C-alpha atoms as a PDB file:
ATOM      1  CA  MET A   1      49.577 -62.563-110.932  1.00  0.00           C
ATOM      2  CA  SER A   2      52.401 -60.004-111.062  1.00  0.00           C
ATOM      3  CA  MET A   3      53.847 -59.208-107.645  1.00  0.00           C
ATOM      4  CA  VAL A   4      55.770 -56.301-106.193  1.00  0.00           C
ATOM      5  CA  LYS A   5      58.395 -56.693-103.474  1.00  0.00           C
ATOM      6  CA  LEU A   6      58.757 -54.016-100.820  1.00  0.00           C
ATOM      7  CA  THR A   7      59.811 -53.592 -97.200  1.00  0.00           C
ATOM      8  CA  ILE A   8      57.397 -52.585 -94.423  1.00  0.00           C
ATOM      9  CA  ASP A   9      58.850 -51.958 -90.978  1.00  0.00           C
ATOM     10  CA  GLY A  10      61.911 -53.981 -91.927  1.00  0.00           C
ATOM     11  CA  MET A  11      59.849 -56.948 -93.133  1.00  0.00           C
ATOM     12  CA  GLU A  12      60.106 -58.091 -96.747  1.00  0.00           C
ATOM     13  CA  VAL A  13      56.612 -58.164 -98.225  1.00  0.00           C
ATOM     14  CA  SER A  14      55.149 -59.231-101.569  1.00  0.00           C
ATOM     15  CA  ALA A  15      51.913 -57.708-102.834  1.00  0.00           C
ATOM     16  CA  PRO A  16      50.004 -57.815-106.132  1.00  0.00           C
ATOM     17  CA  VAL A  17      50.717 -54.997-108.586  1.00  0.00           C
ATOM     18  CA  GLY A  18      48.257 -52.165-107.989  1.00  0.00           C
ATOM     19  CA  SER A  19      47.900 -52.834-104.258  1.00  0.00           C
ATOM     20  CA  THR A  20      47.949 -49.988-101.784  1.00  0.00           C
ATOM     21  CA  ILE A  21      50.430 -49.827 -98.921  1.00  0.00           C
ATOM     22  CA  LEU A  22      47.568 -50.538 -96.531  1.00  0.00           C
ATOM     23  CA  GLU A  23      46.542 -53.676 -98.447  1.00  0.00           C
ATOM     24  CA  ALA A  24      50.131 -54.888 -98.574  1.00  0.00           C
ATOM     25  CA  ALA A  25      50.537 -54.327 -94.837  1.00  0.00           C
ATOM     26  CA  GLN A  26      47.283 -56.077 -94.002  1.00  0.00           C
ATOM     27  CA  GLY A  27      48.309 -59.031 -96.167  1.00  0.00           C
ATOM     28  CA  ALA A  28      51.510 -59.315 -94.139  1.00  0.00           C
ATOM     29  CA  GLY A  29      49.719 -59.018 -90.792  1.00  0.00           C
ATOM     30  CA  ILE A  30      51.047 -55.510 -90.125  1.00  0.00           C
ATOM     31  CA  ARG A  31      48.454 -53.186 -88.628  1.00  0.00           C
ATOM     32  CA  ILE A  32      48.193 -49.575 -89.746  1.00  0.00           C
ATOM     33  CA  PRO A  33      45.573 -47.596 -87.761  1.00  0.00           C
ATOM     34  CA  THR A  34      42.654 -46.277 -89.822  1.00  0.00           C
ATOM     35  CA  LEU A  35      39.389 -44.446 -89.237  1.00  0.00           C
ATOM     36  CA  CYS A  36      37.739 -43.623 -92.568  1.00  0.00           C
ATOM     37  CA  PHE A  37      38.923 -46.812 -94.293  1.00  0.00           C
ATOM     38  CA  HIS A  38      36.612 -49.809 -94.603  1.00  0.00           C
ATOM     39  CA  GLU A  39      37.269 -53.033 -96.504  1.00  0.00           C
ATOM     40  CA  ARG A  40      33.985 -52.830 -98.422  1.00  0.00           C
ATOM     41  CA  LEU A  41      34.554 -49.245 -99.618  1.00  0.00           C
ATOM     42  CA  LYS A  42      36.945 -47.650-102.069  1.00  0.00           C
ATOM     43  CA  PRO A  43      39.692 -45.677-100.261  1.00  0.00           C
ATOM     44  CA  ILE A  44      38.338 -42.355 -98.982  1.00  0.00           C
ATOM     45  CA  GLY A  45      41.468 -40.731 -97.536  1.00  0.00           C
ATOM     46  CA  SER A  46      39.530 -38.219 -95.452  1.00  0.00           C
ATOM     47  CA  CYS A  47      40.947 -38.829 -91.971  1.00  0.00           C
ATOM     48  CA  GLY A  48      44.723 -39.087 -92.439  1.00  0.00           C
ATOM     49  CA  ILE A  49      45.173 -41.543 -89.569  1.00  0.00           C
ATOM     50  CA  CYS A  50      46.825 -44.113 -91.841  1.00  0.00           C
ATOM     51  CA  VAL A  51      49.833 -41.900 -92.672  1.00  0.00           C
ATOM     52  CA  VAL A  52      53.112 -43.735 -93.196  1.00  0.00           C
ATOM     53  CA  GLU A  53      56.634 -42.730 -94.176  1.00  0.00           C
ATOM     54  CA  THR A  54      58.256 -43.882 -97.412  1.00  0.00           C
ATOM     55  CA  GLU A  55      61.995 -43.804 -98.059  1.00  0.00           C
ATOM     56  CA  GLY A  56      62.998 -40.916-100.280  1.00  0.00           C
ATOM     57  CA  SER A  57      59.931 -38.795 -99.481  1.00  0.00           C
ATOM     58  CA  SER A  58      59.966 -36.017 -96.930  1.00  0.00           C
ATOM     59  CA  THR A  59      56.180 -35.995 -96.641  1.00  0.00           C
ATOM     60  CA  PRO A  60      54.156 -38.847 -95.096  1.00  0.00           C
ATOM     61  CA  VAL A  61      51.550 -40.425 -97.394  1.00  0.00           C
ATOM     62  CA  HIS A  62      48.158 -42.020 -96.866  1.00  0.00           C
ATOM     63  CA  ALA A  63      48.598 -45.780 -96.824  1.00  0.00           C
ATOM     64  CA  CYS A  64      45.026 -46.356 -98.023  1.00  0.00           C
ATOM     65  CA  GLU A  65      45.610 -44.439-101.276  1.00  0.00           C
ATOM     66  CA  THR A  66      49.310 -44.903-102.095  1.00  0.00           C
ATOM     67  CA  ILE A  67      50.134 -47.673-104.575  1.00  0.00           C
ATOM     68  CA  VAL A  68      53.126 -49.883-103.815  1.00  0.00           C
ATOM     69  CA  SER A  69      56.171 -49.945-106.078  1.00  0.00           C
ATOM     70  CA  GLU A  70      59.116 -52.296-106.505  1.00  0.00           C
ATOM     71  CA  GLY A  71      61.715 -51.824-103.783  1.00  0.00           C
ATOM     72  CA  MET A  72      59.615 -49.378-101.773  1.00  0.00           C
ATOM     73  CA  SER A  73      60.557 -49.045 -98.111  1.00  0.00           C
ATOM     74  CA  VAL A  74      57.756 -48.113 -95.711  1.00  0.00           C
ATOM     75  CA  ALA A  75      57.716 -47.233 -92.013  1.00  0.00           C
ATOM     76  CA  THR A  76      54.368 -47.406 -90.240  1.00  0.00           C
ATOM     77  CA  ARG A  77      55.642 -46.503 -86.748  1.00  0.00           C
ATOM     78  CA  SER A  78      57.779 -43.558 -85.667  1.00  0.00           C
ATOM     79  CA  GLU A  79      57.681 -40.649 -83.247  1.00  0.00           C
ATOM     80  CA  ARG A  80      56.781 -38.381 -86.157  1.00  0.00           C
ATOM     81  CA  LEU A  81      53.852 -40.532 -87.264  1.00  0.00           C
ATOM     82  CA  LEU A  82      52.632 -40.873 -83.674  1.00  0.00           C
ATOM     83  CA  SER A  83      52.684 -37.080 -83.308  1.00  0.00           C
ATOM     84  CA  ILE A  84      50.775 -36.601 -86.590  1.00  0.00           C
ATOM     85  CA  ARG A  85      48.113 -39.119 -85.617  1.00  0.00           C
ATOM     86  CA  GLN A  86      47.760 -37.601 -82.159  1.00  0.00           C
ATOM     87  CA  GLU A  87      47.243 -34.137 -83.643  1.00  0.00           C
ATOM     88  CA  ILE A  88      44.619 -35.488 -86.059  1.00  0.00           C
ATOM     89  CA  LEU A  89      42.741 -37.111 -83.200  1.00  0.00           C
ATOM     90  CA  LYS A  90      42.964 -33.959 -81.094  1.00  0.00           C
ATOM     91  CA  SER A  91      41.562 -31.884 -83.956  1.00  0.00           C
ATOM     92  CA  ILE A  92      38.627 -34.304 -84.148  1.00  0.00           C
ATOM     93  CA  LEU A  93      38.015 -34.300 -80.402  1.00  0.00           C
ATOM     94  CA  VAL A  94      37.964 -30.499 -80.218  1.00  0.00           C
ATOM     95  CA  HIS A  95      34.625 -30.619 -82.066  1.00  0.00           C
ATOM     96  CA  HIS A  96      33.475 -33.978 -80.745  1.00  0.00           C
ATOM     97  CA  PRO A  97      31.327 -34.251 -77.604  1.00  0.00           C
ATOM     98  CA  LEU A  98      32.924 -36.362 -74.904  1.00  0.00           C
ATOM     99  CA  ASP A  99      29.607 -38.040 -74.114  1.00  0.00           C
ATOM    100  CA  CYS A 100      30.983 -41.578 -74.085  1.00  0.00           C
ATOM    101  CA  PRO A 101      29.088 -42.513 -70.890  1.00  0.00           C
ATOM    102  CA  VAL A 102      25.749 -42.057 -72.689  1.00  0.00           C
ATOM    103  CA  CYS A 103      26.763 -42.656 -76.317  1.00  0.00           C
ATOM    104  CA  ASP A 104      25.200 -45.703 -77.997  1.00  0.00           C
ATOM    105  CA  LYS A 105      28.542 -46.592 -79.581  1.00  0.00           C
ATOM    106  CA  ALA A 106      30.547 -46.786 -76.359  1.00  0.00           C
ATOM    107  CA  GLY A 107      32.555 -49.979 -76.263  1.00  0.00           C
ATOM    108  CA  GLU A 108      32.701 -50.353 -80.045  1.00  0.00           C
ATOM    109  CA  CYS A 109      33.601 -46.793 -81.086  1.00  0.00           C
ATOM    110  CA  GLU A 110      36.628 -46.773 -83.393  1.00  0.00           C
ATOM    111  CA  LEU A 111      37.445 -43.166 -82.481  1.00  0.00           C
ATOM    112  CA  GLN A 112      37.420 -44.081 -78.802  1.00  0.00           C
ATOM    113  CA  ASP A 113      39.782 -46.994 -79.457  1.00  0.00           C
ATOM    114  CA  LEU A 114      42.199 -44.847 -81.487  1.00  0.00           C
ATOM    115  CA  VAL A 115      42.288 -42.160 -78.792  1.00  0.00           C
ATOM    116  CA  VAL A 116      43.224 -44.746 -76.155  1.00  0.00           C
ATOM    117  CA  GLU A 117      45.757 -46.432 -78.460  1.00  0.00           C
ATOM    118  CA  HIS A 118      47.557 -43.162 -79.195  1.00  0.00           C
ATOM    119  CA  GLY A 119      47.483 -41.874 -75.647  1.00  0.00           C
ATOM    120  CA  VAL A 120      45.557 -38.708 -76.423  1.00  0.00           C
ATOM    121  CA  THR A 121      44.563 -36.910 -73.203  1.00  0.00           C
ATOM    122  CA  GLY A 122      43.835 -33.402 -71.991  1.00  0.00           C
ATOM    123  CA  VAL A 123      41.690 -32.295 -74.912  1.00  0.00           C
ATOM    124  CA  GLU A 124      39.184 -29.616 -74.002  1.00  0.00           C
ATOM    125  CA  ALA A 125      35.816 -30.135 -75.651  1.00  0.00           C
ATOM    126  CA  PRO A 126      33.718 -27.009 -76.304  1.00  0.00           C
ATOM    127  CA  ALA A 127      30.003 -27.031 -77.033  1.00  0.00           C
ATOM    128  CA  PRO A 128      29.403 -29.449 -79.943  1.00  0.00           C
ATOM    129  CA  THR A 129      29.045 -27.935 -83.397  1.00  0.00           C
ATOM    130  CA  SER A 130      26.916 -29.745 -85.969  1.00  0.00           C
ATOM    131  CA  LYS A 131      28.625 -30.931 -89.110  1.00  0.00           C
ATOM    132  CA  PHE A 132      25.372 -31.934 -90.763  1.00  0.00           C
ATOM    133  CA  THR A 133      23.058 -29.634 -92.675  1.00  0.00           C
ATOM    134  CA  GLU A 134      20.407 -30.718 -90.216  1.00  0.00           C
ATOM    135  CA  PRO A 135      19.745 -33.657 -87.888  1.00  0.00           C
ATOM    136  CA  TYR A 136      18.296 -36.616 -89.702  1.00  0.00           C
ATOM    137  CA  ALA A 137      15.887 -39.317 -88.625  1.00  0.00           C
ATOM    138  CA  THR A 138      13.633 -42.005 -90.035  1.00  0.00           C
ATOM    139  CA  THR A 139      11.457 -44.594 -88.362  1.00  0.00           C
ATOM    140  CA  MET A 140      14.506 -46.811 -87.852  1.00  0.00           C
ATOM    141  CA  LEU A 141      17.502 -44.484 -87.464  1.00  0.00           C
ATOM    142  CA  LYS A 142      18.538 -41.112 -86.125  1.00  0.00           C
ATOM    143  CA  SER A 143      21.628 -38.928 -86.239  1.00  0.00           C
ATOM    144  CA  TRP A 144      23.707 -37.167 -83.618  1.00  0.00           C
ATOM    145  CA  PRO A 145      25.324 -34.540 -85.888  1.00  0.00           C
ATOM    146  CA  GLU A 146      27.753 -33.276 -83.264  1.00  0.00           C
ATOM    147  CA  ARG A 147      29.442 -36.708 -83.136  1.00  0.00           C
ATOM    148  CA  CYS A 148      30.352 -36.708 -86.836  1.00  0.00           C
ATOM    149  CA  VAL A 149      34.067 -36.939 -87.646  1.00  0.00           C
ATOM    150  CA  SER A 150      33.577 -36.335 -91.396  1.00  0.00           C
ATOM    151  CA  CYS A 151      35.014 -39.720 -92.358  1.00  0.00           C
ATOM    152  CA  LEU A 152      32.390 -39.989 -95.158  1.00  0.00           C
ATOM    153  CA  ARG A 153      31.897 -43.731 -94.631  1.00  0.00           C
ATOM    154  CA  CYS A 154      28.129 -43.239 -94.490  1.00  0.00           C
ATOM    155  CA  VAL A 155      28.078 -41.355 -97.801  1.00  0.00           C
ATOM    156  CA  LYS A 156      30.172 -43.990 -99.562  1.00  0.00           C
ATOM    157  CA  ALA A 157      28.224 -46.877 -98.018  1.00  0.00           C
ATOM    158  CA  CYS A 158      24.936 -45.424 -99.254  1.00  0.00           C
ATOM    159  CA  SER A 159      26.214 -44.893-102.814  1.00  0.00           C
ATOM    160  CA  GLU A 160      28.825 -47.617-103.390  1.00  0.00           C
ATOM    161  CA  ILE A 161      27.261 -50.491-101.463  1.00  0.00           C
ATOM    162  CA  GLN A 162      23.505 -49.881-101.479  1.00  0.00           C
ATOM    163  CA  GLY A 163      23.213 -47.551-104.481  1.00  0.00           C
ATOM    164  CA  HIS A 164      20.551 -45.294-102.936  1.00  0.00           C
ATOM    165  CA  TYR A 165      22.504 -41.998-102.931  1.00  0.00           C
ATOM    166  CA  ALA A 166      20.466 -40.683-100.013  1.00  0.00           C
ATOM    167  CA  LEU A 167      23.620 -39.135 -98.501  1.00  0.00           C
ATOM    168  CA  SER A 168      25.888 -36.635-100.211  1.00  0.00           C
ATOM    169  CA  VAL A 169      28.494 -33.974 -99.479  1.00  0.00           C
ATOM    170  CA  VAL A 170      27.378 -30.414-100.171  1.00  0.00           C
ATOM    171  CA  GLU A 171      28.959 -27.015 -99.634  1.00  0.00           C
ATOM    172  CA  GLY A 172      27.621 -25.221 -96.564  1.00  0.00           C
ATOM    173  CA  PRO A 173      28.306 -21.794 -95.069  1.00  0.00           C
ATOM    174  CA  ASP A 174      31.075 -23.282 -92.898  1.00  0.00           C
ATOM    175  CA  GLY A 175      32.470 -25.703 -95.473  1.00  0.00           C
ATOM    176  CA  PRO A 176      31.479 -29.166 -96.717  1.00  0.00           C
ATOM    177  CA  ARG A 177      28.568 -30.819 -94.944  1.00  0.00           C
ATOM    178  CA  ILE A 178      26.759 -34.124 -95.201  1.00  0.00           C
ATOM    179  CA  SER A 179      23.258 -33.784 -96.602  1.00  0.00           C
ATOM    180  CA  TYR A 180      20.392 -36.274 -96.393  1.00  0.00           C
ATOM    181  CA  ASP A 181      17.673 -36.921 -98.953  1.00  0.00           C
ATOM    182  CA  GLY A 182      14.802 -38.509 -97.050  1.00  0.00           C
ATOM    183  CA  ASP A 183      12.989 -39.414-100.280  1.00  0.00           C
ATOM    184  CA  LYS A 184      15.840 -41.731-101.304  1.00  0.00           C
ATOM    185  CA  CYS A 185      16.525 -43.240 -97.877  1.00  0.00           C
ATOM    186  CA  VAL A 186      15.070 -46.729 -97.373  1.00  0.00           C
ATOM    187  CA  SER A 187      16.324 -47.164 -93.775  1.00  0.00           C
ATOM    188  CA  CYS A 188      18.520 -50.113 -94.751  1.00  0.00           C
ATOM    189  CA  GLY A 189      20.932 -49.186 -91.944  1.00  0.00           C
ATOM    190  CA  GLU A 190      24.118 -49.640 -93.985  1.00  0.00           C
ATOM    191  CA  CYS A 191      25.275 -46.196 -92.868  1.00  0.00           C
ATOM    192  CA  ILE A 192      24.813 -47.222 -89.237  1.00  0.00           C
ATOM    193  CA  GLN A 193      26.771 -50.444 -89.668  1.00  0.00           C
ATOM    194  CA  LEU A 194      29.751 -48.613 -91.187  1.00  0.00           C
ATOM    195  CA  CYS A 195      29.682 -45.485 -89.006  1.00  0.00           C
ATOM    196  CA  PRO A 196      32.789 -45.643 -86.756  1.00  0.00           C
ATOM    197  CA  THR A 197      31.286 -43.392 -84.078  1.00  0.00           C
ATOM    198  CA  GLY A 198      27.853 -42.836 -82.544  1.00  0.00           C
ATOM    199  CA  THR A 199      26.780 -40.359 -85.222  1.00  0.00           C
ATOM    200  CA  LEU A 200      24.211 -42.664 -86.800  1.00  0.00           C
ATOM    201  CA  VAL A 201      22.388 -44.999 -84.463  1.00  0.00           C
ATOM    202  CA  GLU A 202      19.336 -47.226 -84.448  1.00  0.00           C
ATOM    203  CA  LYS A 203      16.135 -46.181 -82.748  1.00  0.00           C
ATOM    204  CA  LYS A 204      14.484 -49.541 -83.136  1.00  0.00           C
ATOM    205  CA  THR A 205      13.864 -49.876 -79.435  1.00  0.00           C
ATOM    206  CA  GLU A 206      14.012 -47.833 -76.278  1.00  0.00           C
ATOM    207  CA  LEU A 207      15.982 -50.653 -74.643  1.00  0.00           C
ATOM    208  CA  ARG A 208      19.454 -49.471 -73.697  1.00  0.00           C
ATOM    209  CA  TRP A 209      22.473 -51.737 -73.515  1.00  0.00           C
ATOM    210  CA  ARG A 210      26.220 -51.780 -73.923  1.00  0.00           C
ATOM    211  CA  THR A 211      28.259 -53.896 -76.303  1.00  0.00           C
ATOM    212  CA  TRP A 212      29.882 -55.755 -73.432  1.00  0.00           C
ATOM    213  CA  GLN A 213      26.415 -56.744 -72.164  1.00  0.00           C
ATOM    214  CA  GLU A 214      25.767 -58.891 -75.219  1.00  0.00           C
ATOM    215  CA  GLU A 215      25.658 -62.513 -74.182  1.00  0.00           C
ATOM    216  CA  GLN A 216      26.427 -63.817 -77.636  1.00  0.00           C
ATOM    217  CA  LYS A 217      26.349 -63.170 -81.371  1.00  0.00           C
ATOM    218  CA  ILE A 218      24.563 -65.864 -83.334  1.00  0.00           C
ATOM    219  CA  ARG A 219      25.101 -66.200 -87.061  1.00  0.00           C
ATOM    220  CA  THR A 220      21.993 -67.130 -88.997  1.00  0.00           C
ATOM    221  CA  THR A 221      20.238 -66.728 -92.344  1.00  0.00           C
ATOM    222  CA  CYS A 222      17.768 -63.889 -92.867  1.00  0.00           C
ATOM    223  CA  PRO A 223      14.208 -65.298 -92.959  1.00  0.00           C
ATOM    224  CA  TYR A 224      12.639 -62.666 -95.202  1.00  0.00           C
ATOM    225  CA  CYS A 225      13.432 -63.955 -98.694  1.00  0.00           C
ATOM    226  CA  GLY A 226      15.268 -66.691-100.544  1.00  0.00           C
ATOM    227  CA  VAL A 227      18.499 -64.744-101.139  1.00  0.00           C
ATOM    228  CA  GLY A 228      20.089 -66.170 -97.999  1.00  0.00           C
ATOM    229  CA  CYS A 229      21.695 -63.049 -96.508  1.00  0.00           C
ATOM    230  CA  GLN A 230      23.851 -63.820 -93.482  1.00  0.00           C
ATOM    231  CA  GLN A 231      23.057 -62.059 -90.219  1.00  0.00           C
ATOM    232  CA  LEU A 232      24.485 -61.727 -86.746  1.00  0.00           C
ATOM    233  CA  LEU A 233      21.868 -61.755 -84.002  1.00  0.00           C
ATOM    234  CA  HIS A 234      23.073 -59.732 -81.006  1.00  0.00           C
ATOM    235  CA  VAL A 235      21.498 -61.347 -77.950  1.00  0.00           C
ATOM    236  CA  ASN A 236      21.050 -59.960 -74.441  1.00  0.00           C
ATOM    237  CA  ASN A 237      19.080 -61.708 -71.682  1.00  0.00           C
ATOM    238  CA  GLY A 238      17.916 -64.285 -74.200  1.00  0.00           C
ATOM    239  CA  ARG A 239      16.373 -61.690 -76.540  1.00  0.00           C
ATOM    240  CA  ILE A 240      17.543 -60.251 -79.839  1.00  0.00           C
ATOM    241  CA  ILE A 241      18.499 -56.619 -79.307  1.00  0.00           C
ATOM    242  CA  LYS A 242      20.139 -55.895 -82.646  1.00  0.00           C
ATOM    243  CA  VAL A 243      20.804 -57.441 -86.058  1.00  0.00           C
ATOM    244  CA  SER A 244      23.860 -56.725 -88.213  1.00  0.00           C
ATOM    245  CA  GLY A 245      25.166 -58.108 -91.493  1.00  0.00           C
ATOM    246  CA  VAL A 246      28.085 -60.536 -91.607  1.00  0.00           C
ATOM    247  CA  GLU A 247      30.822 -58.534 -93.326  1.00  0.00           C
ATOM    248  CA  ASP A 248      32.781 -61.404 -94.902  1.00  0.00           C
ATOM    249  CA  ALA A 249      29.894 -63.737 -95.797  1.00  0.00           C
ATOM    250  CA  GLU A 250      28.227 -64.440 -99.114  1.00  0.00           C
ATOM    251  CA  PRO A 251      25.907 -63.465-100.663  1.00  0.00           C
ATOM    252  CA  ASN A 252      25.332 -60.111 -98.938  1.00  0.00           C
ATOM    253  CA  LYS A 253      28.832 -59.156 -97.721  1.00  0.00           C
ATOM    254  CA  GLY A 254      27.373 -57.252 -94.774  1.00  0.00           C
ATOM    255  CA  ARG A 255      24.433 -55.722 -96.638  1.00  0.00           C
ATOM    256  CA  LEU A 256      20.910 -56.041 -95.264  1.00  0.00           C
ATOM    257  CA  CYS A 257      17.565 -54.558 -96.277  1.00  0.00           C
ATOM    258  CA  VAL A 258      15.302 -52.756 -93.821  1.00  0.00           C
ATOM    259  CA  LYS A 259      13.341 -55.955 -93.102  1.00  0.00           C
ATOM    260  CA  GLY A 260      16.436 -58.063 -92.580  1.00  0.00           C
ATOM    261  CA  ARG A 261      17.992 -55.567 -90.182  1.00  0.00           C
ATOM    262  CA  TYR A 262      14.926 -54.460 -88.222  1.00  0.00           C
ATOM    263  CA  GLY A 263      12.153 -56.988 -88.786  1.00  0.00           C
ATOM    264  CA  TYR A 264      12.552 -59.243 -85.781  1.00  0.00           C
ATOM    265  CA  ASP A 265       9.667 -58.026 -83.602  1.00  0.00           C
ATOM    266  CA  PHE A 266       7.420 -60.875 -84.718  1.00  0.00           C
ATOM    267  CA  ILE A 267       9.593 -63.333 -82.822  1.00  0.00           C
ATOM    268  CA  TYR A 268       8.267 -62.013 -79.525  1.00  0.00           C
ATOM    269  CA  SER A 269       4.686 -61.295 -80.623  1.00  0.00           C
ATOM    270  CA  ASP A 270       1.938 -62.726 -78.438  1.00  0.00           C
ATOM    271  CA  GLU A 271      -0.090 -63.257 -81.620  1.00  0.00           C
ATOM    272  CA  ARG A 272       2.296 -65.822 -83.133  1.00  0.00           C
ATOM    273  CA  LEU A 273       0.739 -69.213 -83.788  1.00  0.00           C
ATOM    274  CA  LYS A 274       2.544 -71.917 -81.863  1.00  0.00           C
ATOM    275  CA  THR A 275       0.405 -74.870 -82.886  1.00  0.00           C
ATOM    276  CA  PRO A 276      -1.720 -75.777 -85.946  1.00  0.00           C
ATOM    277  CA  LEU A 277      -5.380 -74.727 -85.874  1.00  0.00           C
ATOM    278  CA  ILE A 278      -8.229 -76.663 -87.517  1.00  0.00           C
ATOM    279  CA  ARG A 279     -11.570 -74.992 -88.209  1.00  0.00           C
ATOM    280  CA  GLU A 280     -14.575 -76.983 -86.996  1.00  0.00           C
ATOM    281  CA  ASN A 281     -18.132 -75.663 -86.783  1.00  0.00           C
ATOM    282  CA  GLY A 282     -16.943 -72.149 -87.539  1.00  0.00           C
ATOM    283  CA  ARG A 283     -14.334 -72.116 -84.760  1.00  0.00           C
ATOM    284  CA  PHE A 284     -10.633 -72.989 -84.558  1.00  0.00           C
ATOM    285  CA  ARG A 285      -9.237 -75.665 -82.290  1.00  0.00           C
ATOM    286  CA  GLU A 286      -5.647 -76.564 -81.611  1.00  0.00           C
ATOM    287  CA  ALA A 287      -4.267 -79.696 -83.251  1.00  0.00           C
ATOM    288  CA  SER A 288      -0.988 -81.557 -83.572  1.00  0.00           C
ATOM    289  CA  PHE A 289       1.149 -81.219 -86.685  1.00  0.00           C
ATOM    290  CA  ASP A 290       0.505 -84.858 -87.590  1.00  0.00           C
ATOM    291  CA  GLU A 291      -3.262 -84.313 -87.457  1.00  0.00           C
ATOM    292  CA  ALA A 292      -3.028 -81.095 -89.496  1.00  0.00           C
ATOM    293  CA  ILE A 293      -0.852 -82.710 -92.177  1.00  0.00           C
ATOM    294  CA  ARG A 294      -3.163 -85.717 -92.464  1.00  0.00           C
ATOM    295  CA  LEU A 295      -6.117 -83.352 -92.917  1.00  0.00           C
ATOM    296  CA  VAL A 296      -4.329 -81.447 -95.714  1.00  0.00           C
ATOM    297  CA  VAL A 297      -3.395 -84.685 -97.481  1.00  0.00           C
ATOM    298  CA  ARG A 298      -6.960 -85.959 -97.246  1.00  0.00           C
ATOM    299  CA  LYS A 299      -8.407 -82.714 -98.610  1.00  0.00           C
ATOM    300  CA  PHE A 300      -5.884 -82.578-101.455  1.00  0.00           C
ATOM    301  CA  LYS A 301      -6.721 -86.137-102.505  1.00  0.00           C
ATOM    302  CA  GLN A 302     -10.427 -85.329-102.408  1.00  0.00           C
ATOM    303  CA  ILE A 303     -10.023 -82.206-104.578  1.00  0.00           C
ATOM    304  CA  ILE A 304      -7.840 -84.020-107.119  1.00  0.00           C
ATOM    305  CA  ALA A 305     -10.319 -86.904-107.354  1.00  0.00           C
ATOM    306  CA  GLU A 306     -13.276 -84.561-107.860  1.00  0.00           C
ATOM    307  CA  SER A 307     -11.777 -81.745-109.984  1.00  0.00           C
ATOM    308  CA  GLY A 308      -8.330 -82.780-111.174  1.00  0.00           C
ATOM    309  CA  PRO A 309      -4.852 -81.607-110.101  1.00  0.00           C
ATOM    310  CA  ASP A 310      -5.199 -78.169-111.747  1.00  0.00           C
ATOM    311  CA  ALA A 311      -7.859 -77.316-109.169  1.00  0.00           C
ATOM    312  CA  ILE A 312      -4.979 -76.922-106.677  1.00  0.00           C
ATOM    313  CA  ALA A 313      -2.475 -74.073-106.662  1.00  0.00           C
ATOM    314  CA  GLY A 314       0.428 -73.280-104.372  1.00  0.00           C
ATOM    315  CA  VAL A 315       2.242 -70.105-103.354  1.00  0.00           C
ATOM    316  CA  SER A 316       5.728 -70.527-101.923  1.00  0.00           C
ATOM    317  CA  CYS A 317       6.504 -67.868 -99.352  1.00  0.00           C
ATOM    318  CA  SER A 318       9.502 -65.669-100.118  1.00  0.00           C
ATOM    319  CA  ARG A 319      10.666 -66.140 -96.557  1.00  0.00           C
ATOM    320  CA  SER A 320      11.425 -69.728 -97.483  1.00  0.00           C
ATOM    321  CA  ILE A 321      14.960 -70.605 -98.488  1.00  0.00           C
ATOM    322  CA  ASN A 322      15.554 -71.583-102.126  1.00  0.00           C
ATOM    323  CA  GLU A 323      15.768 -75.260-101.257  1.00  0.00           C
ATOM    324  CA  ASP A 324      12.305 -75.224 -99.630  1.00  0.00           C
ATOM    325  CA  SER A 325      10.807 -73.418-102.629  1.00  0.00           C
ATOM    326  CA  TYR A 326      12.402 -76.001-104.926  1.00  0.00           C
ATOM    327  CA  GLN A 327      10.901 -78.840-102.910  1.00  0.00           C
ATOM    328  CA  MET A 328       7.470 -77.200-103.007  1.00  0.00           C
ATOM    329  CA  GLN A 329       7.466 -76.791-106.789  1.00  0.00           C
ATOM    330  CA  LYS A 330       8.653 -80.409-107.072  1.00  0.00           C
ATOM    331  CA  LEU A 331       5.739 -81.497-104.867  1.00  0.00           C
ATOM    332  CA  PHE A 332       3.189 -79.669-107.023  1.00  0.00           C
ATOM    333  CA  ARG A 333       4.620 -80.610-110.417  1.00  0.00           C
ATOM    334  CA  ALA A 334       5.837 -84.143-109.837  1.00  0.00           C
ATOM    335  CA  VAL A 335       3.475 -85.407-107.122  1.00  0.00           C
ATOM    336  CA  ILE A 336       0.244 -83.449-107.478  1.00  0.00           C
ATOM    337  CA  GLY A 337       0.629 -83.009-111.228  1.00  0.00           C
ATOM    338  CA  THR A 338       0.043 -79.268-111.734  1.00  0.00           C
ATOM    339  CA  ASN A 339       2.130 -76.294-112.767  1.00  0.00           C
ATOM    340  CA  ASN A 340       0.039 -73.957-110.611  1.00  0.00           C
ATOM    341  CA  ILE A 341       2.938 -72.924-108.381  1.00  0.00           C
ATOM    342  CA  ASP A 342       4.176 -69.407-107.789  1.00  0.00           C
ATOM    343  CA  ASN A 343       6.274 -67.352-105.412  1.00  0.00           C
ATOM    344  CA  CYS A 344       5.028 -64.259-103.633  1.00  0.00           C
ATOM    345  CA  ALA A 345       7.806 -61.671-103.362  1.00  0.00           C
ATOM    346  CA  ARG A 346       5.734 -59.250-101.300  1.00  0.00           C
ATOM    347  CA  THR A 347       5.753 -61.263 -98.049  1.00  0.00           C
END
C-alpha cells in the first residue's frame, strides 16, 4: 500500500494515499472535533467544525474532505480555528432550543459536548424555527424539527446505509430543508442512531430516563433471524430500555431492522411460556423439559414406524441462529431420514 508522509500538529504521520486529513489524524490518535462526520458515512462536510489549517493556504479546509499530500503540514489547533469553531456553534445555537433539561439526548448529545469543549456561552436562543418541511413521526420514531442542526447524517444514513431513501434534501421557501417520505420509511431507526442531537428520537415507550441512569450495556445477538446482527441492550433497573446496533461489529456494522431495534416487548410479556405444556384430555398441563422431550421422541418413533420418515416435517424458526438451523436439518436428514425441512422467514 502506497503511503504519504505529512506532519499534523508537529507530529510526523504516515497515511495511505487517498486518505483525508481527518482519517490520517485519527490513525495517529489526534482528535479533530466533528459534528456531521460519521465513520459509516461518506464525508458530508456540512458543519465545518473539522476545519484545520494547512501550510501555504490562507483559508482553513475541512479535514473530512481534504485529501492528504506528500509533505503536507497541518495544524488542528490554533486561536483562529477555535474562533471559527465557536462561531459555527453559536450560529447553530441561535436557532437551536436550549431545552437540554428535557431533551431525550441530554448526556449523549454531540452538540452539547462540542459547546462545552469550545467554551461557548452567552448565546441568546430565540423561539425555535423548524428546519424540516414538517414534523415527522411513525409508530416507532418522532422528530423535533427545531433541534435540527442540518448535519444531514439522517439523510445519508437512510440512503447510504439502509438504502430506503425515505429522507431527502429539498428546496423550501427559506432554503434547503429535510423532507420525509413516509411510504419509504420502515422505522429501522438508523437515522435515530446517527443523529447527533435530539432531533430524531424513539417513542417506543413512555418511560423516561437519562443516559447516565443506564446500569449497563450488554452486547448480544439479535434473536429475530439467523443473520446474527450484534446489538447493545441498554439496561435500567434490570429492564431493557433501548436497543442499539454495535457500530464496529460484523455482520451489521451498527445496522438493525425495525424488529431488531424495537422488538423486545415479548421479554416482559405475561403470556410468555415458561415451562413446557402437554395436552391431556383436551387441556394443557405443565411438564418438565425432560418429560416433554421424551414425549416428542416417543411420538416421532411411533409415526416413523407407522407411516415412514416422510410423514414428519420440520420448520426451523428464523429466530434461530444458523448453527441451530444446521443442527435441525442434520437431525431430520441424517437421523429421522427425511428431507422435509424448511425455514420460515416470516417469524
